[in-house]
Amino acid sequence: TNIAEAVTGRSTISRDNAKNTVSTQMNSLKPEDTAF
């Protein structure tokens, strides 16, 4: 994994190769996290 400094400690990323999915769990969200 490679996690941006801006979200380090607040976000995790996971992947299921068999299902071809990737997910990110974002916690302690801030207004500056607003984005597409």
PDB file of all heavy atoms in Angstrom:
ATOM      1  N   THR A   1       0.813  -1.212   0.000  1.00  0.00           N
ATOM      2  CA  THR A   1       0.000   0.000   0.000  1.00  0.00           C
ATOM      3  C   THR A   1       0.844   1.258   0.000  1.00  0.00           C
ATOM      4  O   THR A   1       1.988   1.274   0.466  1.00  0.00           O
ATOM      5  CB  THR A   1      -0.937   0.035   1.218  1.00  0.00           C
ATOM      6  OG1 THR A   1      -0.149   0.057   2.410  1.00  0.00           O
ATOM      7  CG2 THR A   1      -1.858  -1.167   1.232  1.00  0.00           C
ATOM      8  N   ASN A   2       0.249   2.303  -0.551  1.00  0.00           N
ATOM      9  CA  ASN A   2       0.841   3.632  -0.540  1.00  0.00           C
ATOM     10  C   ASN A   2      -0.283   4.594  -0.199  1.00  0.00           C
ATOM     11  O   ASN A   2      -1.240   4.722  -0.958  1.00  0.00           O
ATOM     12  CB  ASN A   2       1.439   3.973  -1.907  1.00  0.00           C
ATOM     13  CG  ASN A   2       2.035   5.363  -1.929  1.00  0.00           C
ATOM     14  OD1 ASN A   2       2.461   5.888  -0.910  1.00  0.00           O
ATOM     15  ND2 ASN A   2       2.075   5.977  -3.107  1.00  0.00           N
ATOM     16  N   ILE A   3      -0.170   5.222   0.969  1.00  0.00           N
ATOM     17  CA  ILE A   3      -1.246   6.099   1.436  1.00  0.00           C
ATOM     18  C   ILE A   3      -0.719   7.517   1.541  1.00  0.00           C
ATOM     19  O   ILE A   3       0.339   7.758   2.118  1.00  0.00           O
ATOM     20  CB  ILE A   3      -1.792   5.603   2.784  1.00  0.00           C
ATOM     21  CG1 ILE A   3      -2.367   4.197   2.608  1.00  0.00           C
ATOM     22  CG2 ILE A   3      -2.863   6.548   3.319  1.00  0.00           C
ATOM     23  CD1 ILE A   3      -2.861   3.543   3.883  1.00  0.00           C
ATOM     24  N   ALA A   4      -1.484   8.455   1.001  1.00  0.00           N
ATOM     25  CA  ALA A   4      -1.060   9.851   0.993  1.00  0.00           C
ATOM     26  C   ALA A   4      -0.938  10.395   2.412  1.00  0.00           C
ATOM     27  O   ALA A   4      -1.698  10.018   3.308  1.00  0.00           O
ATOM     28  CB  ALA A   4      -2.052  10.691   0.195  1.00  0.00           C
ATOM     29  N   GLU A   5       0.000  11.296   2.573  1.00  0.00           N
ATOM     30  CA  GLU A   5       0.231  11.880   3.886  1.00  0.00           C
ATOM     31  C   GLU A   5      -1.024  12.575   4.409  1.00  0.00           C
ATOM     32  O   GLU A   5      -1.295  12.539   5.614  1.00  0.00           O
ATOM     33  CB  GLU A   5       1.383  12.883   3.803  1.00  0.00           C
ATOM     34  CG  GLU A   5       1.782  13.482   5.140  1.00  0.00           C
ATOM     35  CD  GLU A   5       2.996  14.396   5.025  1.00  0.00           C
ATOM     36  OE1 GLU A   5       3.682  14.341   3.992  1.00  0.00           O
ATOM     37  OE2 GLU A   5       3.237  15.161   5.969  1.00  0.00           O
ATOM     38  N   ALA A   6      -1.795  13.167   3.522  1.00  0.00           N
ATOM     39  CA  ALA A   6      -2.982  13.913   3.948  1.00  0.00           C
ATOM     40  C   ALA A   6      -4.026  13.041   4.633  1.00  0.00           C
ATOM     41  O   ALA A   6      -4.851  13.542   5.410  1.00  0.00           O
ATOM     42  CB  ALA A   6      -3.604  14.616   2.749  1.00  0.00           C
ATOM     43  N   VAL A   7      -3.999  11.742   4.362  1.00  0.00           N
ATOM     44  CA  VAL A   7      -4.993  10.844   4.949  1.00  0.00           C
ATOM     45  C   VAL A   7      -4.373   9.749   5.796  1.00  0.00           C
ATOM     46  O   VAL A   7      -5.083   8.887   6.323  1.00  0.00           O
ATOM     47  CB  VAL A   7      -5.895  10.222   3.865  1.00  0.00           C
ATOM     48  CG1 VAL A   7      -6.639  11.318   3.108  1.00  0.00           C
ATOM     49  CG2 VAL A   7      -5.092   9.358   2.924  1.00  0.00           C
ATOM     50  N   THR A   8      -3.075   9.768   5.942  1.00  0.00           N
ATOM     51  CA  THR A   8      -2.399   8.758   6.763  1.00  0.00           C
ATOM     52  C   THR A   8      -2.936   8.786   8.185  1.00  0.00           C
ATOM     53  O   THR A   8      -3.079   9.849   8.791  1.00  0.00           O
ATOM     54  CB  THR A   8      -0.889   9.012   6.764  1.00  0.00           C
ATOM     55  OG1 THR A   8      -0.385   8.820   5.440  1.00  0.00           O
ATOM     56  CG2 THR A   8      -0.175   8.047   7.698  1.00  0.00           C
ATOM     57  N   GLY A   9      -3.227   7.602   8.691  1.00  0.00           N
ATOM     58  CA  GLY A   9      -3.767   7.495  10.044  1.00  0.00           C
ATOM     59  C   GLY A   9      -5.276   7.602  10.085  1.00  0.00           C
ATOM     60  O   GLY A   9      -5.903   7.302  11.115  1.00  0.00           O
ATOM     61  N   ARG A  10      -5.866   8.032   8.977  1.00  0.00           N
ATOM     62  CA  ARG A  10      -7.333   8.163   8.917  1.00  0.00           C
ATOM     63  C   ARG A  10      -7.954   7.249   7.870  1.00  0.00           C
ATOM     64  O   ARG A  10      -9.174   7.030   7.888  1.00  0.00           O
ATOM     65  CB  ARG A  10      -7.713   9.619   8.589  1.00  0.00           C
ATOM     66  CG  ARG A  10      -7.206  10.641   9.593  1.00  0.00           C
ATOM     67  CD  ARG A  10      -7.805  12.010   9.333  1.00  0.00           C
ATOM     68  NE  ARG A  10      -7.376  12.588   8.074  1.00  0.00           N
ATOM     69  CZ  ARG A  10      -8.211  12.989   7.105  1.00  0.00           C
ATOM     70  NH1 ARG A  10      -9.522  12.838   7.251  1.00  0.00           N
ATOM     71  NH2 ARG A  10      -7.728  13.537   5.998  1.00  0.00           N
ATOM     72  N   SER A  11      -7.143   6.744   6.976  1.00  0.00           N
ATOM     73  CA  SER A  11      -7.670   5.940   5.884  1.00  0.00           C
ATOM     74  C   SER A  11      -6.903   4.648   5.709  1.00  0.00           C
ATOM     75  O   SER A  11      -5.690   4.608   5.951  1.00  0.00           O
ATOM     76  CB  SER A  11      -7.606   6.740   4.576  1.00  0.00           C
ATOM     77  OG  SER A  11      -8.432   7.883   4.637  1.00  0.00           O
ATOM     78  N   THR A  12      -7.623   3.632   5.296  1.00  0.00           N
ATOM     79  CA  THR A  12      -7.002   2.362   4.943  1.00  0.00           C
ATOM     80  C   THR A  12      -7.508   1.951   3.569  1.00  0.00           C
ATOM     81  O   THR A  12      -8.556   2.423   3.104  1.00  0.00           O
ATOM     82  CB  THR A  12      -7.340   1.261   5.958  1.00  0.00           C
ATOM     83  OG1 THR A  12      -8.761   1.100   6.007  1.00  0.00           O
ATOM     84  CG2 THR A  12      -6.820   1.612   7.351  1.00  0.00           C
ATOM     85  N   ILE A  13      -6.759   1.084   2.912  1.00  0.00           N
ATOM     86  CA  ILE A  13      -7.158   0.586   1.600  1.00  0.00           C
ATOM     87  C   ILE A  13      -7.056  -0.927   1.606  1.00  0.00           C
ATOM     88  O   ILE A  13      -6.137  -1.490   2.220  1.00  0.00           O
ATOM     89  CB  ILE A  13      -6.305   1.217   0.479  1.00  0.00           C
ATOM     90  CG1 ILE A  13      -6.845   0.828  -0.896  1.00  0.00           C
ATOM     91  CG2 ILE A  13      -4.827   0.874   0.634  1.00  0.00           C
ATOM     92  CD1 ILE A  13      -6.230   1.629  -2.036  1.00  0.00           C
ATOM     93  N   SER A  14      -7.985  -1.562   0.942  1.00  0.00           N
ATOM     94  CA  SER A  14      -7.975  -3.014   0.856  1.00  0.00           C
ATOM     95  C   SER A  14      -8.406  -3.434  -0.531  1.00  0.00           C
ATOM     96  O   SER A  14      -9.023  -2.661  -1.273  1.00  0.00           O
ATOM     97  CB  SER A  14      -8.903  -3.616   1.922  1.00  0.00           C
ATOM     98  OG  SER A  14     -10.230  -3.163   1.741  1.00  0.00           O
ATOM     99  N   ARG A  15      -8.104  -4.682  -0.829  1.00  0.00           N
ATOM    100  CA  ARG A  15      -8.357  -5.164  -2.191  1.00  0.00           C
ATOM    101  C   ARG A  15      -8.708  -6.637  -2.138  1.00  0.00           C
ATOM    102  O   ARG A  15      -8.149  -7.391  -1.342  1.00  0.00           O
ATOM    103  CB  ARG A  15      -7.101  -4.934  -3.033  1.00  0.00           C
ATOM    104  CG  ARG A  15      -7.142  -5.438  -4.442  1.00  0.00           C
ATOM    105  CD  ARG A  15      -5.875  -4.990  -5.162  1.00  0.00           C
ATOM    106  NE  ARG A  15      -5.830  -5.522  -6.508  1.00  0.00           N
ATOM    107  CZ  ARG A  15      -4.916  -5.187  -7.410  1.00  0.00           C
ATOM    108  NH1 ARG A  15      -3.981  -4.297  -7.096  1.00  0.00           N
ATOM    109  NH2 ARG A  15      -4.933  -5.721  -8.608  1.00  0.00           N
ATOM    110  N   ASP A  16      -9.614  -7.030  -3.010  1.00  0.00           N
ATOM    111  CA  ASP A  16      -9.963  -8.435  -3.175  1.00  0.00           C
ATOM    112  C   ASP A  16      -9.701  -8.788  -4.635  1.00  0.00           C
ATOM    113  O   ASP A  16     -10.482  -8.424  -5.517  1.00  0.00           O
ATOM    114  CB  ASP A  16     -11.432  -8.658  -2.801  1.00  0.00           C
ATOM    115  CG  ASP A  16     -11.820 -10.126  -2.796  1.00  0.00           C
ATOM    116  OD1 ASP A  16     -11.258 -10.897  -3.609  1.00  0.00           O
ATOM    117  OD2 ASP A  16     -12.684 -10.498  -2.005  1.00  0.00           O
ATOM    118  N   ASN A  17      -8.616  -9.457  -4.881  1.00  0.00           N
ATOM    119  CA  ASN A  17      -8.237  -9.778  -6.267  1.00  0.00           C
ATOM    120  C   ASN A  17      -9.239 -10.736  -6.923  1.00  0.00           C
ATOM    121  O   ASN A  17      -9.484 -10.643  -8.124  1.00  0.00           O
ATOM    122  CB  ASN A  17      -6.841 -10.380  -6.299  1.00  0.00           C
ATOM    123  CG  ASN A  17      -5.773  -9.371  -5.939  1.00  0.00           C
ATOM    124  OD1 ASN A  17      -5.891  -8.189  -6.241  1.00  0.00           O
ATOM    125  ND2 ASN A  17      -4.722  -9.833  -5.271  1.00  0.00           N
ATOM    126  N   ALA A  18      -9.793 -11.618  -6.145  1.00  0.00           N
ATOM    127  CA  ALA A  18     -10.745 -12.578  -6.706  1.00  0.00           C
ATOM    128  C   ALA A  18     -12.032 -11.886  -7.161  1.00  0.00           C
ATOM    129  O   ALA A  18     -12.654 -12.297  -8.138  1.00  0.00           O
ATOM    130  CB  ALA A  18     -11.071 -13.646  -5.681  1.00  0.00           C
ATOM    131  N   LYS A  19     -12.418 -10.849  -6.450  1.00  0.00           N
ATOM    132  CA  LYS A  19     -13.642 -10.123  -6.783  1.00  0.00           C
ATOM    133  C   LYS A  19     -13.382  -8.856  -7.586  1.00  0.00           C
ATOM    134  O   LYS A  19     -14.307  -8.149  -7.963  1.00  0.00           O
ATOM    135  CB  LYS A  19     -14.402  -9.767  -5.506  1.00  0.00           C
ATOM    136  CG  LYS A  19     -14.892 -10.977  -4.739  1.00  0.00           C
ATOM    137  CD  LYS A  19     -15.670 -10.558  -3.491  1.00  0.00           C
ATOM    138  CE  LYS A  19     -16.170 -11.777  -2.735  1.00  0.00           C
ATOM    139  NZ  LYS A  19     -16.921 -11.403  -1.512  1.00  0.00           N
ATOM    140  N   ASN A  20     -12.102  -8.567  -7.812  1.00  0.00           N
ATOM    141  CA  ASN A  20     -11.718  -7.371  -8.574  1.00  0.00           C
ATOM    142  C   ASN A  20     -12.269  -6.092  -7.949  1.00  0.00           C
ATOM    143  O   ASN A  20     -12.829  -5.220  -8.633  1.00  0.00           O
ATOM    144  CB  ASN A  20     -12.182  -7.477 -10.031  1.00  0.00           C
ATOM    145  CG  ASN A  20     -11.531  -8.632 -10.758  1.00  0.00           C
ATOM    146  OD1 ASN A  20     -10.315  -8.785 -10.718  1.00  0.00           O
ATOM    147  ND2 ASN A  20     -12.342  -9.453 -11.393  1.00  0.00           N
ATOM    148  N   THR A  21     -12.137  -6.009  -6.663  1.00  0.00           N
ATOM    149  CA  THR A  21     -12.620  -4.836  -5.946  1.00  0.00           C
ATOM    150  C   THR A  21     -11.501  -4.183  -5.150  1.00  0.00           C
ATOM    151  O   THR A  21     -10.543  -4.837  -4.736  1.00  0.00           O
ATOM    152  CB  THR A  21     -13.762  -5.183  -4.987  1.00  0.00           C
ATOM    153  OG1 THR A  21     -13.292  -6.134  -4.027  1.00  0.00           O
ATOM    154  CG2 THR A  21     -14.959  -5.757  -5.731  1.00  0.00           C
ATOM    155  N   VAL A  22     -11.650  -2.900  -4.956  1.00  0.00           N
ATOM    156  CA  VAL A  22     -10.763  -2.143  -4.085  1.00  0.00           C
ATOM    157  C   VAL A  22     -11.633  -1.197  -3.264  1.00  0.00           C
ATOM    158  O   VAL A  22     -12.597  -0.627  -3.777  1.00  0.00           O
ATOM    159  CB  VAL A  22      -9.689  -1.374  -4.877  1.00  0.00           C
ATOM    160  CG1 VAL A  22     -10.303  -0.349  -5.818  1.00  0.00           C
ATOM    161  CG2 VAL A  22      -8.692  -0.718  -3.932  1.00  0.00           C
ATOM    162  N   SER A  23     -11.301  -1.077  -1.998  1.00  0.00           N
ATOM    163  CA  SER A  23     -12.091  -0.236  -1.103  1.00  0.00           C
ATOM    164  C   SER A  23     -11.176   0.614  -0.244  1.00  0.00           C
ATOM    165  O   SER A  23     -10.032   0.220   0.031  1.00  0.00           O
ATOM    166  CB  SER A  23     -12.972  -1.097  -0.194  1.00  0.00           C
ATOM    167  OG  SER A  23     -13.881  -1.870  -0.945  1.00  0.00           O
ATOM    168  N   THR A  24     -11.701   1.745   0.168  1.00  0.00           N
ATOM    169  CA  THR A  24     -10.974   2.557   1.121  1.00  0.00           C
ATOM    170  C   THR A  24     -11.921   2.977   2.241  1.00  0.00           C
ATOM    171  O   THR A  24     -13.048   3.399   1.969  1.00  0.00           O
ATOM    172  CB  THR A  24     -10.319   3.788   0.461  1.00  0.00           C
ATOM    173  OG1 THR A  24      -9.559   4.495   1.442  1.00  0.00           O
ATOM    174  CG2 THR A  24     -11.337   4.725  -0.154  1.00  0.00           C
ATOM    175  N   GLN A  25     -11.484   2.811   3.440  1.00  0.00           N
ATOM    176  CA  GLN A  25     -12.232   3.222   4.617  1.00  0.00           C
ATOM    177  C   GLN A  25     -11.640   4.539   5.101  1.00  0.00           C
ATOM    178  O   GLN A  25     -10.445   4.611   5.384  1.00  0.00           O
ATOM    179  CB  GLN A  25     -12.127   2.169   5.713  1.00  0.00           C
ATOM    180  CG  GLN A  25     -12.790   2.556   7.034  1.00  0.00           C
ATOM    181  CD  GLN A  25     -14.301   2.578   6.934  1.00  0.00           C
ATOM    182  OE1 GLN A  25     -14.895   1.752   6.262  1.00  0.00           O
ATOM    183  NE2 GLN A  25     -14.929   3.533   7.611  1.00  0.00           N
ATOM    184  N   MET A  26     -12.473   5.550   5.155  1.00  0.00           N
ATOM    185  CA  MET A  26     -11.989   6.865   5.565  1.00  0.00           C
ATOM    186  C   MET A  26     -12.666   7.272   6.866  1.00  0.00           C
ATOM    187  O   MET A  26     -13.894   7.313   6.946  1.00  0.00           O
ATOM    188  CB  MET A  26     -12.280   7.895   4.473  1.00  0.00           C
ATOM    189  CG  MET A  26     -11.636   7.557   3.140  1.00  0.00           C
ATOM    190  SD  MET A  26     -11.807   8.872   1.924  1.00  0.00           S
ATOM    191  CE  MET A  26     -13.580   8.905   1.754  1.00  0.00           C
ATOM    192  N   ASN A  27     -11.874   7.573   7.862  1.00  0.00           N
ATOM    193  CA  ASN A  27     -12.364   7.936   9.184  1.00  0.00           C
ATOM    194  C   ASN A  27     -11.938   9.364   9.535  1.00  0.00           C
ATOM    195  O   ASN A  27     -11.073   9.941   8.876  1.00  0.00           O
ATOM    196  CB  ASN A  27     -11.822   6.961  10.228  1.00  0.00           C
ATOM    197  CG  ASN A  27     -12.168   5.530   9.922  1.00  0.00           C
ATOM    198  OD1 ASN A  27     -13.292   5.207   9.524  1.00  0.00           O
ATOM    199  ND2 ASN A  27     -11.196   4.644  10.090  1.00  0.00           N
ATOM    200  N   SER A  28     -12.563   9.884  10.559  1.00  0.00           N
ATOM    201  CA  SER A  28     -12.228  11.233  11.046  1.00  0.00           C
ATOM    202  C   SER A  28     -12.197  12.236   9.887  1.00  0.00           C
ATOM    203  O   SER A  28     -11.251  13.015   9.737  1.00  0.00           O
ATOM    204  CB  SER A  28     -10.870  11.218  11.763  1.00  0.00           C
ATOM    205  OG  SER A  28     -10.878  10.322  12.838  1.00  0.00           O
ATOM    206  N   LEU A  29     -13.229  12.191   9.082  1.00  0.00           N
ATOM    207  CA  LEU A  29     -13.270  13.026   7.891  1.00  0.00           C
ATOM    208  C   LEU A  29     -13.316  14.505   8.246  1.00  0.00           C
ATOM    209  O   LEU A  29     -13.912  14.902   9.254  1.00  0.00           O
ATOM    210  CB  LEU A  29     -14.461  12.644   7.023  1.00  0.00           C
ATOM    211  CG  LEU A  29     -14.281  11.333   6.252  1.00  0.00           C
ATOM    212  CD1 LEU A  29     -15.612  10.793   5.772  1.00  0.00           C
ATOM    213  CD2 LEU A  29     -13.320  11.531   5.093  1.00  0.00           C
ATOM    214  N   LYS A  30     -12.671  15.289   7.389  1.00  0.00           N
ATOM    215  CA  LYS A  30     -12.580  16.730   7.567  1.00  0.00           C
ATOM    216  C   LYS A  30     -13.224  17.425   6.370  1.00  0.00           C
ATOM    217  O   LYS A  30     -13.291  16.840   5.281  1.00  0.00           O
ATOM    218  CB  LYS A  30     -11.118  17.155   7.665  1.00  0.00           C
ATOM    219  CG  LYS A  30     -10.297  16.422   8.707  1.00  0.00           C
ATOM    220  CD  LYS A  30      -8.834  16.806   8.613  1.00  0.00           C
ATOM    221  CE  LYS A  30      -7.989  16.030   9.618  1.00  0.00           C
ATOM    222  NZ  LYS A  30      -6.553  16.403   9.514  1.00  0.00           N
ATOM    223  N   PRO A  31     -13.665  18.670   6.546  1.00  0.00           N
ATOM    224  CA  PRO A  31     -14.236  19.389   5.394  1.00  0.00           C
ATOM    225  C   PRO A  31     -13.289  19.432   4.188  1.00  0.00           C
ATOM    226  O   PRO A  31     -13.744  19.392   3.044  1.00  0.00           O
ATOM    227  CB  PRO A  31     -14.493  20.783   5.966  1.00  0.00           C
ATOM    228  CG  PRO A  31     -14.768  20.540   7.411  1.00  0.00           C
ATOM    229  CD  PRO A  31     -13.827  19.425   7.792  1.00  0.00           C
ATOM    230  N   GLU A  32     -12.005  19.473   4.450  1.00  0.00           N
ATOM    231  CA  GLU A  32     -11.041  19.502   3.344  1.00  0.00           C
ATOM    232  C   GLU A  32     -10.925  18.176   2.606  1.00  0.00           C
ATOM    233  O   GLU A  32     -10.242  18.089   1.580  1.00  0.00           O
ATOM    234  CB  GLU A  32      -9.660  19.951   3.828  1.00  0.00           C
ATOM    235  CG  GLU A  32      -9.142  19.201   5.039  1.00  0.00           C
ATOM    236  CD  GLU A  32      -9.409  19.954   6.331  1.00  0.00           C
ATOM    237  OE1 GLU A  32     -10.546  20.457   6.524  1.00  0.00           O
ATOM    238  OE2 GLU A  32      -8.481  20.008   7.179  1.00  0.00           O
ATOM    239  N   ASP A  33     -11.579  17.156   3.097  1.00  0.00           N
ATOM    240  CA  ASP A  33     -11.643  15.889   2.366  1.00  0.00           C
ATOM    241  C   ASP A  33     -12.723  15.907   1.290  1.00  0.00           C
ATOM    242  O   ASP A  33     -12.834  14.965   0.506  1.00  0.00           O
ATOM    243  CB  ASP A  33     -11.915  14.728   3.326  1.00  0.00           C
ATOM    244  CG  ASP A  33     -10.768  14.476   4.287  1.00  0.00           C
ATOM    245  OD1 ASP A  33      -9.604  14.524   3.846  1.00  0.00           O
ATOM    246  OD2 ASP A  33     -11.046  14.227   5.481  1.00  0.00           O
ATOM    247  N   THR A  34     -13.516  16.965   1.252  1.00  0.00           N
ATOM    248  CA  THR A  34     -14.558  17.087   0.242  1.00  0.00           C
ATOM    249  C   THR A  34     -13.946  17.103  -1.147  1.00  0.00           C
ATOM    250  O   THR A  34     -13.061  17.905  -1.447  1.00  0.00           O
ATOM    251  CB  THR A  34     -15.374  18.372   0.473  1.00  0.00           C
ATOM    252  OG1 THR A  34     -16.072  18.265   1.723  1.00  0.00           O
ATOM    253  CG2 THR A  34     -16.374  18.594  -0.656  1.00  0.00           C
ATOM    254  N   ALA A  35     -14.415  16.194  -2.000  1.00  0.00           N
ATOM    255  CA  ALA A  35     -13.868  16.066  -3.349  1.00  0.00           C
ATOM    256  C   ALA A  35     -14.611  14.974  -4.101  1.00  0.00           C
ATOM    257  O   ALA A  35     -15.372  14.208  -3.509  1.00  0.00           O
ATOM    258  CB  ALA A  35     -12.380  15.721  -3.292  1.00  0.00           C
ATOM    259  N   PHE A  36     -14.357  14.929  -5.388  1.00  0.00           N
ATOM    260  CA  PHE A  36     -14.735  13.752  -6.165  1.00  0.00           C
ATOM    261  C   PHE A  36     -13.627  12.723  -5.982  1.00  0.00           C
ATOM    262  O   PHE A  36     -12.441  13.046  -6.105  1.00  0.00           O
ATOM    263  CB  PHE A  36     -14.890  14.103  -7.645  1.00  0.00           C
ATOM    264  CG  PHE A  36     -16.231  14.676  -7.974  1.00  0.00           C
ATOM    265  CD1 PHE A  36     -16.418  16.046  -8.021  1.00  0.00           C
ATOM    266  CD2 PHE A  36     -17.312  13.841  -8.233  1.00  0.00           C
ATOM    267  CE1 PHE A  36     -17.665  16.587  -8.318  1.00  0.00           C
ATOM    268  CE2 PHE A  36     -18.558  14.368  -8.541  1.00  0.00           C
ATOM    269  CZ  PHE A  36     -18.731  15.739  -8.581  1.00  0.00           C
TER     270      PHE A  36
END
